[in-house]
Amino acid sequence: MEPFFYRVKPRHLSPDQLDQVLSRGWYRMRQDLFTISHLAEEFGFYRVHWLRVDVNRIIGHRSHRRIRKNHAHCSVVIEPLITVSEEHRNLHRKYRRSIDFDGVRSIQEGLFGEEVADSIFSTWSISVYDGEKLIAAGYFDIGAESAASILHFFDPEYAQFSPGKFLILCTIDFMRSKGLQWYYPGYVVAGKPKMDYKLFLGREVVEYFSPEVQQWRPFVDQILLDEPIIIPVLTDTDEENSQASELQED
């Protein structure tokens, strides 16, 4: 497949329209919608696979129970996003200092970019507290029948308890309480296992989107083995040969 990237900027987006674009392998980027087939890195393009899960098919795994037990003493607040709190901003700054990969520089950038107008998305926030201390937070969008996680972050001191996965479980619980069916966690990348945590809900219930046929298919591990499209590295010798060839043509 030839790599592709598309991005559109809708002025309005109804809950039904969000369901529709998510079901076609599109996702939120700030206040835009985008879809992509490959992730570009220094030496190649790595295949991207968008995921979704029918929350009604999720079976409680042992790992789910362990994560819930780790946070049993915590309180969880899920509410519509009105404004980003300073408490969330401070936690995100602490989280960013601890990570070894690229991430959004701020919550503002991740949700809105440079936009100052009202959001076209119906976004909810999650806050997880250990006593009075905020230890994890996140944001997700909801449609008529679906929800999509947009941004998660947590206190690195609690990393051993899997707070990021707990945020996903909280989102699933919320969806079930609202009768929402489809959960969209984002994508995994072939050859880049850092994103594979999104499969912890259960490979047996995860689907991936095939842009070639415009259909969702049951997840198979084989798609994580897709070979990247390698970008040839131009060496000094290559440059010299190229220049010599051009001189000969002249």
Foldseek 3Di string as FASTA:
>chain_A
DDKDKDKDADPAAALVNVVVQVLQQWDDFQQIIMHIQFDDDDWFTWGKWWKKFFLVPFDDDPLNVQLCVLQVQKDKDKFWDPDDDVLNFVQVCQQVVPDDDDDDPTVCCQHHNPDPDDGNFGKMKMFIDNVNHTFKMFMWTHGPAEIETRDITGRVVCVVSPVVVVVVVVVSVVNVVVNHTMYTDTIDTQPDCPPVVVCVSDLQRMWIADNVVSHIDRDDCVSSPDDTGTDDDQDPVNVVVVVVVVVVVD
